[in-house]
Amino acid sequence: MNILLVYPRFPKSFWSFDKTLELVGMKAQLPPLGLVTVAAILPQSWNFKLVDRNVRDVEDAEWRWADIVIVSAMIVHRPDFLAAIRTAKEYGKLVAVGGPYPTSLPHEAEEAGADFLILDEGEITLPMFVEAVERGDRSGTFRSGGEKPAVTETPIPRYDLLELDAYAEMSVQFSRGCPFQCEFCDIIVLYGRKPRTKEPDQLLAELQYLYDLGWRRSIFMVDDNFIGNKRNVKRLLTAMKPWMEDHGYPFSFATEASVDLAQDPELMQMMVDCNFGTVFLGIETPDDDSLALTKKFQNTRDPLSESVVAIAKTGLRVMAGFIVGFDGERTGAGQRIYQFVEQTAIPTAMVSMLQALPDTALWHRLEKEGRLLGKSADINQATLMNFVPTRPIEDITEEFIQTFWDLYDPLTVLNRTFRHYLILGEARKRNSKRRHSKKTAAAAGSPSINWITLRAFFIILWRQGVVRKTRLRFWVNLAIMLWRYPAVAASYVSVCAQAEHFIDFRQVVRQNIEDQLAAYQSAKLATPAQEEAQLAA
């Protein structure tokens, strides 16, 4: 059986890092972890080829070679996911689909022509699919019936199928699920509120496999809340530390975590000792009323700004997500987000307008209230919200665009990154002194030095140090960083390089959102006119 695994293209978004990837000669930020896991679960007597359409197009010979084409996607992949299904059907292939997007909106995949819907988690539904194929079935829908698999049985993903040199980071998963109940979040719908974790030895075997394949760069621990089960995370980190020491700290790690990480200094230090360098926090808003309304109570227990600073002072670079458009939100929410980001010096802040994702508590509430604007969704930051908000959408849109624009003003983001790295530099200097091993950790998040990174470095010097209004501040900041904290200087410059993407992307945000708002307003104006015409007729 010849299986062609296809991963759809990402649209240009906050996470696509287009301009940054161009600088370092890479094609994509992260690989399709779901598909290489699928390949590991399916019978190993089958033949596999994997094509990530973010890296290259599927060749004609590959389409023809396949007996079955398997496509996996998140909602953000929607346009190319549907296009990949249609192309496969044009070649007369059986098409199987899975992943968060088909699981949430299976009818859209079915309407595009998918034959097999492998929904929910693959450890349960992929064996059902295999049985159906071996029976000779030509279609089918497979669901877990609410059962959540123990990920302790998940095999090592088939990382060997990837074109490793194409990716800036690698993906590894330790846990699924999150213990919290945020109204807008689809993670708890897809994976449940009881975090399930792999065994430490299981995760170390995955790291060893990547090590044996030659991977030596950053790894993103893709858990939606890495610390959802703190006890098991500490078991993992306890086992990881000697492995990292014995292997000479071959990787740096990044992950996502809830902001209550700040309440556990021991856990933060354990992460740093295992060469974790970056953590993404879902802060959402500094407005307590909005946090309470959306049931993100974990963000209301301690002052958010103090939590962010506490995490940074441990040596973890903070990235964060923010949202505008909550029900009952007061005017000026965007400005308050901007002020919070500046106050806490978070270099990379993702701001989005609220989207109601399928099957979430928010989705069901808005559907009941008659406020949904359709039966689909998107999580691209350049997309208008998909429901009627409680305050004028024009006001929310204006605030959102202005906030994104101001956050990624070249001089603003440069100085914010510098302030954050002063905190990190001091923390990492302290951490280096407390290490007892002769093998010291690499500066977490630092790029490897080669001709490509040197070329990228000189481009940044030219753009930010010569061409833009940042020119004087860039050289002053860099000189201070090299003088005071040379161990984090390379990482600092790499985050300055990431800003190239956001400086460019803010133009996309402004144009797309303004165009979509104009279309929305036109449709709203046309509706009363149509109703009047129908009444007159």
Protein backbone atom coordinates (compact mmCIF):
# COMPACT_ATOMS: atom_id res chain seq x y z
CA MET A 1 0.00 0.00 0.00
CA ASN A 2 1.49 3.34 -1.11
CA ILE A 3 0.52 6.22 1.20
CA LEU A 4 1.15 9.83 0.22
CA LEU A 5 0.98 12.15 3.24
CA VAL A 6 0.25 15.76 2.28
CA TYR A 7 0.45 18.79 4.56
CA PRO A 8 -1.31 21.96 3.30
CA ARG A 9 0.24 25.40 2.96
CA PHE A 10 -0.04 27.93 5.75
CA PRO A 11 -1.42 31.30 4.68
CA LYS A 12 0.66 34.31 5.56
CA SER A 13 0.03 34.79 9.28
CA PHE A 14 1.64 35.78 12.55
CA TRP A 15 3.16 32.29 12.82
CA SER A 16 4.35 31.85 9.23
CA PHE A 17 7.54 33.88 9.84
CA ASP A 18 7.94 34.38 6.08
CA LYS A 19 10.49 37.18 6.13
CA THR A 20 12.50 35.58 8.94
CA LEU A 21 12.66 32.23 7.15
CA GLU A 22 13.82 34.00 3.99
CA LEU A 23 16.75 35.43 5.93
CA VAL A 24 18.00 32.00 7.04
CA GLY A 25 17.18 30.10 3.87
CA MET A 26 14.51 27.82 5.35
CA LYS A 27 11.09 26.95 4.00
CA ALA A 28 8.90 26.45 7.08
CA GLN A 29 8.93 27.13 10.79
CA LEU A 30 7.68 23.73 11.99
CA PRO A 31 7.11 20.31 10.43
CA PRO A 32 3.78 18.41 10.37
CA LEU A 33 4.12 16.44 13.60
CA GLY A 34 0.62 15.01 13.20
CA LEU A 35 1.42 13.40 9.84
CA VAL A 36 4.72 11.84 10.93
CA THR A 37 2.86 10.44 13.95
CA VAL A 38 0.16 9.06 11.64
CA ALA A 39 2.90 7.38 9.58
CA ALA A 40 4.22 5.74 12.75
CA ILE A 41 0.79 4.41 13.77
CA LEU A 42 -0.11 2.96 10.37
CA PRO A 43 1.26 -0.49 9.36
CA GLN A 44 5.00 -0.23 8.83
CA SER A 45 4.72 -2.70 5.93
CA TRP A 46 3.04 0.12 3.98
CA ASN A 47 5.15 2.56 1.91
CA PHE A 48 5.16 6.23 2.81
CA LYS A 49 6.06 9.50 1.17
CA LEU A 50 5.46 12.85 2.83
CA VAL A 51 5.20 16.20 1.09
CA ASP A 52 4.86 19.41 3.08
CA ARG A 53 3.44 21.92 0.61
CA ASN A 54 5.08 24.69 2.66
CA VAL A 55 8.41 23.19 1.56
CA ARG A 56 7.64 22.13 -2.01
CA ASP A 57 4.80 21.12 -4.33
CA VAL A 58 3.67 17.54 -4.76
CA GLU A 59 5.14 16.16 -7.97
CA ASP A 60 3.01 14.54 -10.66
CA ALA A 61 4.82 11.22 -10.15
CA GLU A 62 4.03 11.32 -6.41
CA TRP A 63 0.31 11.81 -7.01
CA ARG A 64 0.36 8.89 -9.47
CA TRP A 65 2.40 6.67 -7.10
CA ALA A 66 -0.11 6.88 -4.27
CA ASP A 67 -2.85 4.37 -3.56
CA ILE A 68 -4.27 6.60 -0.81
CA VAL A 69 -3.60 10.28 -0.12
CA ILE A 70 -3.82 11.33 3.54
CA VAL A 71 -4.20 15.06 4.29
CA SER A 72 -4.13 16.53 7.80
CA ALA A 73 -4.95 20.11 8.68
CA MET A 74 -5.75 22.76 11.25
CA ILE A 75 -8.46 25.33 10.54
CA VAL A 76 -5.89 27.88 9.40
CA HIS A 77 -5.00 25.50 6.52
CA ARG A 78 -8.54 25.54 5.14
CA PRO A 79 -7.97 26.91 1.58
CA ASP A 80 -5.03 24.67 0.67
CA PHE A 81 -6.45 21.67 2.54
CA LEU A 82 -9.56 21.73 0.36
CA ALA A 83 -7.42 22.32 -2.74
CA ALA A 84 -5.23 19.30 -1.92
CA ILE A 85 -8.31 17.07 -1.61
CA ARG A 86 -9.62 18.23 -4.98
CA THR A 87 -6.24 17.71 -6.68
CA ALA A 88 -5.96 14.18 -5.30
CA LYS A 89 -9.47 13.39 -6.57
CA GLU A 90 -8.52 14.72 -10.01
CA TYR A 91 -5.83 12.02 -10.03
CA GLY A 92 -8.49 9.46 -9.13
CA LYS A 93 -7.08 8.75 -5.67
CA LEU A 94 -8.79 7.70 -2.51
CA VAL A 95 -8.45 10.54 0.00
CA ALA A 96 -8.37 10.22 3.78
CA VAL A 97 -8.36 13.28 6.04
CA GLY A 98 -7.82 13.96 9.71
CA GLY A 99 -6.60 16.51 12.20
CA PRO A 100 -8.28 19.35 14.13
CA TYR A 101 -9.96 20.98 11.13
CA PRO A 102 -11.78 17.90 9.73
CA THR A 103 -12.63 16.81 13.28
CA SER A 104 -14.28 20.19 13.96
CA LEU A 105 -15.94 20.68 10.56
CA PRO A 106 -16.13 17.25 8.88
CA HIS A 107 -18.80 18.30 6.38
CA GLU A 108 -16.38 20.72 4.67
CA ALA A 109 -13.87 17.92 3.96
CA GLU A 110 -16.68 15.63 2.81
CA GLU A 111 -18.06 18.28 0.45
CA ALA A 112 -14.56 18.72 -1.04
CA GLY A 113 -14.49 15.02 -1.92
CA ALA A 114 -12.73 13.23 0.95
CA ASP A 115 -13.52 9.50 1.05
CA PHE A 116 -12.34 8.62 4.56
CA LEU A 117 -12.81 10.90 7.58
CA ILE A 118 -10.35 9.80 10.29
CA LEU A 119 -11.52 12.06 13.08
CA ASP A 120 -10.62 12.63 16.74
CA GLU A 121 -7.31 11.12 17.91
CA GLY A 122 -5.53 8.76 15.55
CA GLU A 123 -4.39 6.22 18.11
CA ILE A 124 -8.04 5.09 18.23
CA THR A 125 -9.39 5.90 14.77
CA LEU A 126 -6.42 4.99 12.53
CA PRO A 127 -6.70 1.26 13.35
CA MET A 128 -10.38 1.48 12.35
CA PHE A 129 -9.31 3.03 9.04
CA VAL A 130 -6.72 0.29 8.46
CA GLU A 131 -9.34 -2.41 9.05
CA ALA A 132 -11.69 -0.72 6.59
CA VAL A 133 -9.01 -0.42 3.90
CA GLU A 134 -7.97 -4.05 4.33
CA ARG A 135 -11.65 -5.06 3.95
CA GLY A 136 -11.71 -3.21 0.65
CA ASP A 137 -13.94 -0.33 1.80
CA ARG A 138 -13.82 2.78 -0.38
CA SER A 139 -15.15 5.25 2.17
CA GLY A 140 -15.95 5.62 5.84
CA THR A 141 -16.06 7.88 8.88
CA PHE A 142 -14.19 6.87 12.02
CA ARG A 143 -14.76 8.46 15.42
CA SER A 144 -13.56 7.64 18.91
CA GLY A 145 -16.96 8.03 20.59
CA GLY A 146 -15.50 10.35 23.22
CA GLU A 147 -12.67 8.00 24.20
CA LYS A 148 -9.27 9.62 24.78
CA PRO A 149 -6.24 7.41 24.14
CA ALA A 150 -3.34 7.03 26.54
CA VAL A 151 -0.43 8.65 24.72
CA THR A 152 1.94 6.27 26.52
CA GLU A 153 1.31 3.90 23.59
CA THR A 154 2.00 6.47 20.86
CA PRO A 155 4.99 5.34 18.78
CA ILE A 156 8.02 7.49 17.92
CA PRO A 157 7.00 9.74 15.00
CA ARG A 158 8.55 9.00 11.60
CA TYR A 159 10.84 12.02 11.60
CA ASP A 160 12.90 10.30 8.90
CA LEU A 161 10.17 11.17 6.36
CA LEU A 162 10.83 14.90 6.78
CA GLU A 163 13.17 17.11 4.78
CA LEU A 164 14.84 18.21 8.02
CA ASP A 165 16.95 21.01 6.53
CA ALA A 166 13.80 22.85 5.47
CA TYR A 167 12.65 23.60 9.04
CA ALA A 168 13.68 26.24 11.53
CA GLU A 169 12.42 24.17 14.48
CA MET A 170 11.44 20.58 15.16
CA SER A 171 8.17 19.50 16.84
CA VAL A 172 7.80 17.10 19.76
CA GLN A 173 4.71 16.43 21.89
CA PHE A 174 4.71 15.41 25.55
CA SER A 175 1.08 15.91 26.53
CA ARG A 176 -2.44 16.48 25.22
CA GLY A 177 -5.26 18.32 26.94
CA CYS A 178 -5.53 21.24 29.34
CA PRO A 179 -7.12 21.42 32.81
CA PHE A 180 -8.68 24.86 32.31
CA GLN A 181 -12.03 25.89 30.80
CA CYS A 182 -11.48 28.98 28.64
CA GLU A 183 -14.72 29.59 26.74
CA PHE A 184 -13.09 30.30 23.37
CA CYS A 185 -10.58 27.42 23.38
CA ASP A 186 -11.03 24.34 21.18
CA ILE A 187 -8.16 22.39 22.79
CA ILE A 188 -10.34 21.18 25.63
CA VAL A 189 -12.99 20.19 23.06
CA LEU A 190 -10.52 18.23 20.92
CA TYR A 191 -8.30 16.73 23.64
CA GLY A 192 -10.17 17.06 26.91
CA ARG A 193 -9.50 18.71 30.26
CA LYS A 194 -7.46 15.89 31.75
CA PRO A 195 -3.88 16.26 30.48
CA ARG A 196 -2.43 12.95 29.26
CA THR A 197 1.34 12.65 29.15
CA LYS A 198 3.95 10.36 27.69
CA GLU A 199 6.42 8.57 29.91
CA PRO A 200 9.83 10.28 30.34
CA ASP A 201 11.66 7.37 28.67
CA GLN A 202 9.25 7.56 25.76
CA LEU A 203 9.96 11.25 25.18
CA LEU A 204 13.71 10.73 25.59
CA ALA A 205 13.56 8.02 22.93
CA GLU A 206 12.07 10.60 20.55
CA LEU A 207 14.85 13.06 21.37
CA GLN A 208 17.42 10.33 20.83
CA TYR A 209 15.91 9.54 17.43
CA LEU A 210 16.13 13.18 16.40
CA TYR A 211 19.69 13.31 17.71
CA ASP A 212 20.60 10.22 15.67
CA LEU A 213 19.07 11.82 12.56
CA GLY A 214 21.44 14.75 13.06
CA TRP A 215 19.06 17.38 14.39
CA ARG A 216 20.90 19.99 16.48
CA ARG A 217 18.60 23.01 16.56
CA SER A 218 15.59 24.20 18.50
CA ILE A 219 12.69 21.91 19.38
CA PHE A 220 9.19 23.22 19.98
CA MET A 221 7.31 21.18 22.58
CA VAL A 222 3.92 21.62 20.93
CA ASP A 223 1.78 20.86 24.01
CA ASP A 224 -1.01 23.39 24.29
CA ASN A 225 -0.20 23.62 27.99
CA PHE A 226 3.12 21.97 28.78
CA ILE A 227 2.54 22.33 32.54
CA GLY A 228 -1.03 21.01 32.55
CA ASN A 229 0.18 18.05 34.61
CA LYS A 230 2.98 19.56 36.71
CA ARG A 231 3.83 16.35 38.50
CA ASN A 232 4.54 14.49 35.25
CA VAL A 233 6.35 17.45 33.73
CA LYS A 234 8.75 17.46 36.67
CA ARG A 235 9.29 13.72 36.19
CA LEU A 236 10.16 14.41 32.55
CA LEU A 237 12.52 17.28 33.33
CA THR A 238 14.26 15.23 36.01
CA ALA A 239 15.00 12.57 33.39
CA MET A 240 15.85 15.09 30.67
CA LYS A 241 18.54 16.94 32.58
CA PRO A 242 21.15 14.12 32.65
CA TRP A 243 20.28 13.18 29.05
CA MET A 244 20.93 16.76 27.93
CA GLU A 245 24.19 16.90 29.89
CA ASP A 246 25.40 13.58 28.47
CA HIS A 247 24.63 14.70 24.92
CA GLY A 248 26.22 18.14 25.27
CA TYR A 249 22.95 20.11 25.22
CA PRO A 250 22.18 19.45 21.53
CA PHE A 251 18.79 21.20 21.60
CA SER A 252 17.13 24.28 22.97
CA PHE A 253 13.42 24.08 23.70
CA ALA A 254 10.37 26.29 23.41
CA THR A 255 6.83 25.53 24.53
CA GLU A 256 3.41 26.88 25.51
CA ALA A 257 2.26 27.13 29.12
CA SER A 258 -0.39 28.74 31.27
CA VAL A 259 0.65 31.85 33.15
CA ASP A 260 0.45 30.04 36.50
CA LEU A 261 3.92 28.76 35.61
CA ALA A 262 5.08 31.86 37.49
CA GLN A 263 3.78 30.32 40.73
CA ASP A 264 6.25 27.43 40.56
CA PRO A 265 9.89 28.65 40.73
CA GLU A 266 11.15 25.07 41.01
CA LEU A 267 9.47 24.08 37.75
CA MET A 268 10.77 27.16 35.93
CA GLN A 269 14.32 26.43 37.10
CA MET A 270 14.01 22.81 36.00
CA MET A 271 12.95 23.98 32.55
CA VAL A 272 15.89 26.36 32.31
CA ASP A 273 18.28 23.61 33.44
CA CYS A 274 17.01 21.47 30.55
CA ASN A 275 17.73 24.31 28.09
CA PHE A 276 14.19 25.62 27.68
CA GLY A 277 14.61 29.14 26.42
CA THR A 278 11.15 30.35 25.33
CA VAL A 279 7.61 30.01 26.61
CA PHE A 280 4.40 31.22 24.96
CA LEU A 281 1.76 32.45 27.40
CA GLY A 282 -1.94 32.85 26.66
CA ILE A 283 -2.48 36.17 28.44
CA GLU A 284 -5.40 37.27 26.20
CA THR A 285 -6.15 40.60 27.92
CA PRO A 286 -5.15 42.63 30.97
CA ASP A 287 -8.87 43.27 31.64
CA ASP A 288 -10.03 41.14 34.57
CA ASP A 289 -13.70 41.46 33.59
CA SER A 290 -13.03 39.93 30.17
CA LEU A 291 -10.87 37.18 31.67
CA ALA A 292 -13.66 36.26 34.09
CA LEU A 293 -16.30 36.34 31.34
CA THR A 294 -14.30 33.96 29.15
CA LYS A 295 -13.59 31.74 32.20
CA LYS A 296 -9.83 32.20 32.06
CA PHE A 297 -9.72 32.34 35.85
CA GLN A 298 -6.10 31.16 36.06
CA ASN A 299 -5.06 34.58 34.75
CA THR A 300 -6.84 36.46 37.52
CA ARG A 301 -5.15 34.87 40.56
CA ASP A 302 -1.94 36.93 40.48
CA PRO A 303 -1.07 40.24 38.84
CA LEU A 304 -0.34 39.36 35.22
CA SER A 305 2.51 41.82 34.81
CA GLU A 306 4.29 40.41 37.87
CA SER A 307 3.87 36.86 36.53
CA VAL A 308 5.39 37.77 33.15
CA VAL A 309 8.39 39.46 34.76
CA ALA A 310 8.86 36.55 37.20
CA ILE A 311 9.02 34.09 34.30
CA ALA A 312 11.50 36.26 32.37
CA LYS A 313 13.69 36.65 35.45
CA THR A 314 14.09 32.88 35.54
CA GLY A 315 15.68 33.02 32.08
CA LEU A 316 12.70 32.12 29.89
CA ARG A 317 11.97 34.43 26.97
CA VAL A 318 8.26 35.27 26.99
CA MET A 319 6.03 35.26 23.94
CA ALA A 320 2.35 35.96 24.49
CA GLY A 321 -1.06 35.90 22.86
CA PHE A 322 -3.71 38.62 23.21
CA ILE A 323 -7.30 38.97 22.01
CA VAL A 324 -9.64 41.90 21.42
CA GLY A 325 -13.40 41.59 20.97
CA PHE A 326 -14.63 39.88 24.14
CA ASP A 327 -18.25 40.49 25.09
CA GLY A 328 -18.69 43.49 27.34
CA GLU A 329 -15.20 44.74 26.55
CA ARG A 330 -14.59 48.38 27.38
CA THR A 331 -13.40 50.86 24.78
CA GLY A 332 -9.62 51.09 24.58
CA ALA A 333 -8.93 47.35 24.99
CA GLY A 334 -6.30 47.46 22.25
CA GLN A 335 -4.48 50.35 23.87
CA ARG A 336 -4.49 48.54 27.21
CA ILE A 337 -2.91 45.51 25.53
CA TYR A 338 -0.26 47.74 23.99
CA GLN A 339 0.52 49.31 27.34
CA PHE A 340 0.73 45.91 29.02
CA VAL A 341 3.14 44.56 26.38
CA GLU A 342 5.33 47.64 26.68
CA GLN A 343 5.23 47.55 30.49
CA THR A 344 6.30 43.90 30.61
CA ALA A 345 8.70 44.18 27.62
CA ILE A 346 7.34 41.12 25.80
CA PRO A 347 9.23 41.09 22.50
CA THR A 348 6.77 38.95 20.53
CA ALA A 349 3.09 39.61 21.19
CA MET A 350 0.43 38.00 19.01
CA VAL A 351 -2.79 40.03 18.87
CA SER A 352 -5.94 38.64 17.27
CA MET A 353 -9.59 39.49 17.07
CA LEU A 354 -11.71 36.93 18.88
CA GLN A 355 -12.90 34.03 16.73
CA ALA A 356 -15.61 31.57 17.72
CA LEU A 357 -14.11 28.17 16.95
CA PRO A 358 -16.39 25.22 16.15
CA ASP A 359 -17.89 23.28 19.04
CA THR A 360 -16.38 25.52 21.74
CA ALA A 361 -18.49 26.86 24.57
CA LEU A 362 -18.26 30.29 22.92
CA TRP A 363 -19.49 28.86 19.60
CA HIS A 364 -22.51 27.23 21.20
CA ARG A 365 -23.39 30.32 23.24
CA LEU A 366 -23.19 32.64 20.23
CA GLU A 367 -25.13 30.18 18.08
CA LYS A 368 -27.89 30.10 20.71
CA GLU A 369 -27.92 33.92 20.77
CA GLY A 370 -28.10 34.09 16.95
CA ARG A 371 -24.81 35.99 16.67
CA LEU A 372 -22.67 33.63 14.56
CA LEU A 373 -21.91 34.90 11.05
CA GLY A 374 -21.66 31.48 9.40
CA LYS A 375 -20.75 27.90 10.15
CA SER A 376 -16.99 28.12 9.73
CA ALA A 377 -14.05 29.85 11.39
CA ASP A 378 -10.47 30.96 10.91
CA ILE A 379 -7.63 31.69 13.31
CA ASN A 380 -5.52 33.84 11.01
CA GLN A 381 -4.68 37.20 12.59
CA ALA A 382 -5.63 38.89 9.32
CA THR A 383 -9.24 37.69 9.50
CA LEU A 384 -12.31 39.57 10.69
CA MET A 385 -14.22 38.07 13.62
CA ASN A 386 -16.96 35.59 12.69
CA PHE A 387 -19.72 36.78 15.03
CA VAL A 388 -21.57 39.95 15.98
CA PRO A 389 -19.76 41.52 18.96
CA THR A 390 -21.36 43.51 21.77
CA ARG A 391 -19.67 46.75 20.75
CA PRO A 392 -19.35 48.15 17.21
CA ILE A 393 -17.14 45.97 15.06
CA GLU A 394 -15.75 49.14 13.49
CA ASP A 395 -14.38 50.20 16.89
CA ILE A 396 -12.86 46.78 17.60
CA THR A 397 -11.29 46.65 14.14
CA GLU A 398 -9.79 50.12 14.44
CA GLU A 399 -8.30 49.27 17.84
CA PHE A 400 -6.96 45.95 16.62
CA ILE A 401 -5.24 47.39 13.55
CA GLN A 402 -3.75 50.27 15.51
CA THR A 403 -2.51 48.01 18.30
CA PHE A 404 -0.81 45.61 15.89
CA TRP A 405 0.67 48.54 13.97
CA ASP A 406 2.03 50.24 17.09
CA LEU A 407 3.41 47.04 18.64
CA TYR A 408 5.53 46.38 15.56
CA ASP A 409 6.72 49.86 14.87
CA PRO A 410 10.40 49.11 14.10
CA LEU A 411 11.81 51.27 16.89
CA THR A 412 9.21 50.17 19.43
CA VAL A 413 9.78 46.44 18.92
CA LEU A 414 13.57 46.91 18.87
CA ASN A 415 13.62 48.67 22.22
CA ARG A 416 11.10 46.27 23.75
CA THR A 417 13.26 43.30 22.70
CA PHE A 418 16.32 45.00 24.18
CA ARG A 419 14.59 45.58 27.53
CA HIS A 420 13.47 41.97 27.67
CA TYR A 421 16.97 40.71 26.93
CA LEU A 422 18.45 42.81 29.71
CA ILE A 423 16.28 40.73 32.07
CA LEU A 424 17.17 37.49 30.30
CA GLY A 425 20.86 38.34 30.18
CA GLU A 426 21.01 38.83 33.92
CA ALA A 427 19.04 35.63 34.55
CA ARG A 428 21.17 33.52 32.25
CA LYS A 429 24.37 34.91 33.71
CA ARG A 430 23.13 33.81 37.10
CA ASN A 431 22.09 30.40 35.76
CA SER A 432 25.48 29.77 34.21
CA LYS A 433 27.18 30.36 37.56
CA ARG A 434 25.02 27.80 39.33
CA ARG A 435 25.74 24.95 36.91
CA HIS A 436 27.96 22.26 38.34
CA SER A 437 28.40 20.17 35.19
CA LYS A 438 31.48 20.70 33.05
CA LYS A 439 29.22 20.56 30.02
CA THR A 440 27.32 23.83 30.04
CA ALA A 441 24.08 24.44 28.22
CA ALA A 442 24.04 26.35 24.99
CA ALA A 443 22.47 29.78 25.15
CA ALA A 444 18.85 28.72 24.77
CA GLY A 445 17.38 29.85 21.48
CA SER A 446 20.72 30.90 19.98
CA PRO A 447 21.15 30.10 16.29
CA SER A 448 24.09 28.03 15.07
CA ILE A 449 26.79 30.11 13.40
CA ASN A 450 27.32 29.35 9.71
CA TRP A 451 27.44 31.24 6.42
CA ILE A 452 23.63 31.45 6.20
CA THR A 453 23.24 32.92 9.68
CA LEU A 454 26.13 35.32 9.04
CA ARG A 455 24.43 36.48 5.84
CA ALA A 456 21.18 36.98 7.78
CA PHE A 457 23.10 38.89 10.45
CA PHE A 458 24.53 41.30 7.91
CA ILE A 459 21.09 41.86 6.36
CA ILE A 460 19.75 42.77 9.82
CA LEU A 461 22.70 45.10 10.36
CA TRP A 462 21.87 46.83 7.09
CA ARG A 463 18.09 47.07 7.54
CA GLN A 464 17.90 47.91 11.23
CA GLY A 465 21.32 49.51 11.67
CA VAL A 466 21.50 51.63 8.52
CA VAL A 467 18.28 51.95 6.51
CA ARG A 468 15.55 52.40 9.13
CA LYS A 469 14.92 54.97 11.82
CA THR A 470 16.22 52.36 14.26
CA ARG A 471 19.80 52.91 13.08
CA LEU A 472 21.26 54.70 16.13
CA ARG A 473 19.31 52.71 18.73
CA PHE A 474 20.17 49.41 17.05
CA TRP A 475 23.94 49.94 17.41
CA VAL A 476 23.68 51.25 20.96
CA ASN A 477 21.50 48.31 22.04
CA LEU A 478 23.74 45.78 20.34
CA ALA A 479 26.89 47.24 21.88
CA ILE A 480 25.37 47.13 25.38
CA MET A 481 24.23 43.54 24.85
CA LEU A 482 27.65 42.42 23.63
CA TRP A 483 29.37 44.19 26.53
CA ARG A 484 27.09 43.14 29.36
CA TYR A 485 25.55 39.85 28.25
CA PRO A 486 27.52 38.31 25.37
CA ALA A 487 26.04 34.86 26.09
CA VAL A 488 22.59 36.00 24.90
CA ALA A 489 23.70 38.36 22.13
CA ALA A 490 23.14 35.83 19.33
CA SER A 491 19.67 35.00 20.64
CA TYR A 492 18.91 38.71 20.95
CA VAL A 493 19.83 39.32 17.32
CA SER A 494 17.73 36.33 16.21
CA VAL A 495 14.65 37.85 17.89
CA CYS A 496 15.45 41.18 16.22
CA ALA A 497 15.44 39.21 12.97
CA GLN A 498 12.00 37.79 13.76
CA ALA A 499 10.72 41.35 13.92
CA GLU A 500 11.30 41.57 10.15
CA HIS A 501 8.32 39.28 9.67
CA PHE A 502 6.03 41.28 11.96
CA ILE A 503 7.04 44.64 10.52
CA ASP A 504 6.01 43.29 7.11
CA PHE A 505 2.95 41.40 8.36
CA ARG A 506 1.37 44.46 9.97
CA GLN A 507 0.83 45.78 6.43
CA VAL A 508 -1.03 42.56 5.57
CA VAL A 509 -3.14 42.85 8.73
CA ARG A 510 -4.15 46.42 7.96
CA GLN A 511 -5.02 45.78 4.31
CA ASN A 512 -6.88 42.49 4.84
CA ILE A 513 -8.91 43.64 7.82
CA GLU A 514 -9.87 46.95 6.18
CA ASP A 515 -10.97 45.11 3.01
CA GLN A 516 -13.00 42.56 4.99
CA LEU A 517 -14.62 45.30 7.09
CA ALA A 518 -15.63 47.18 3.95
CA ALA A 519 -17.18 44.00 2.54
CA TYR A 520 -18.99 43.36 5.84
CA GLN A 521 -20.37 46.91 5.91
CA SER A 522 -21.50 46.66 2.28
CA ALA A 523 -23.31 43.41 2.99
CA LYS A 524 -24.97 44.97 6.04
CA LEU A 525 -26.16 47.94 3.98
CA ALA A 526 -27.40 45.68 1.19
CA THR A 527 -29.54 43.54 3.49
CA PRO A 528 -32.13 46.24 4.44
CA ALA A 529 -32.35 47.29 0.79
CA GLN A 530 -33.05 43.69 -0.26
CA GLU A 531 -35.71 43.34 2.42
CA GLU A 532 -37.40 46.55 1.25
CA ALA A 533 -37.36 45.33 -2.35
CA GLN A 534 -38.92 42.02 -1.33
CA LEU A 535 -41.66 43.83 0.61
CA ALA A 536 -42.36 46.14 -2.34
CA ALA A 537 -42.64 43.17 -4.68
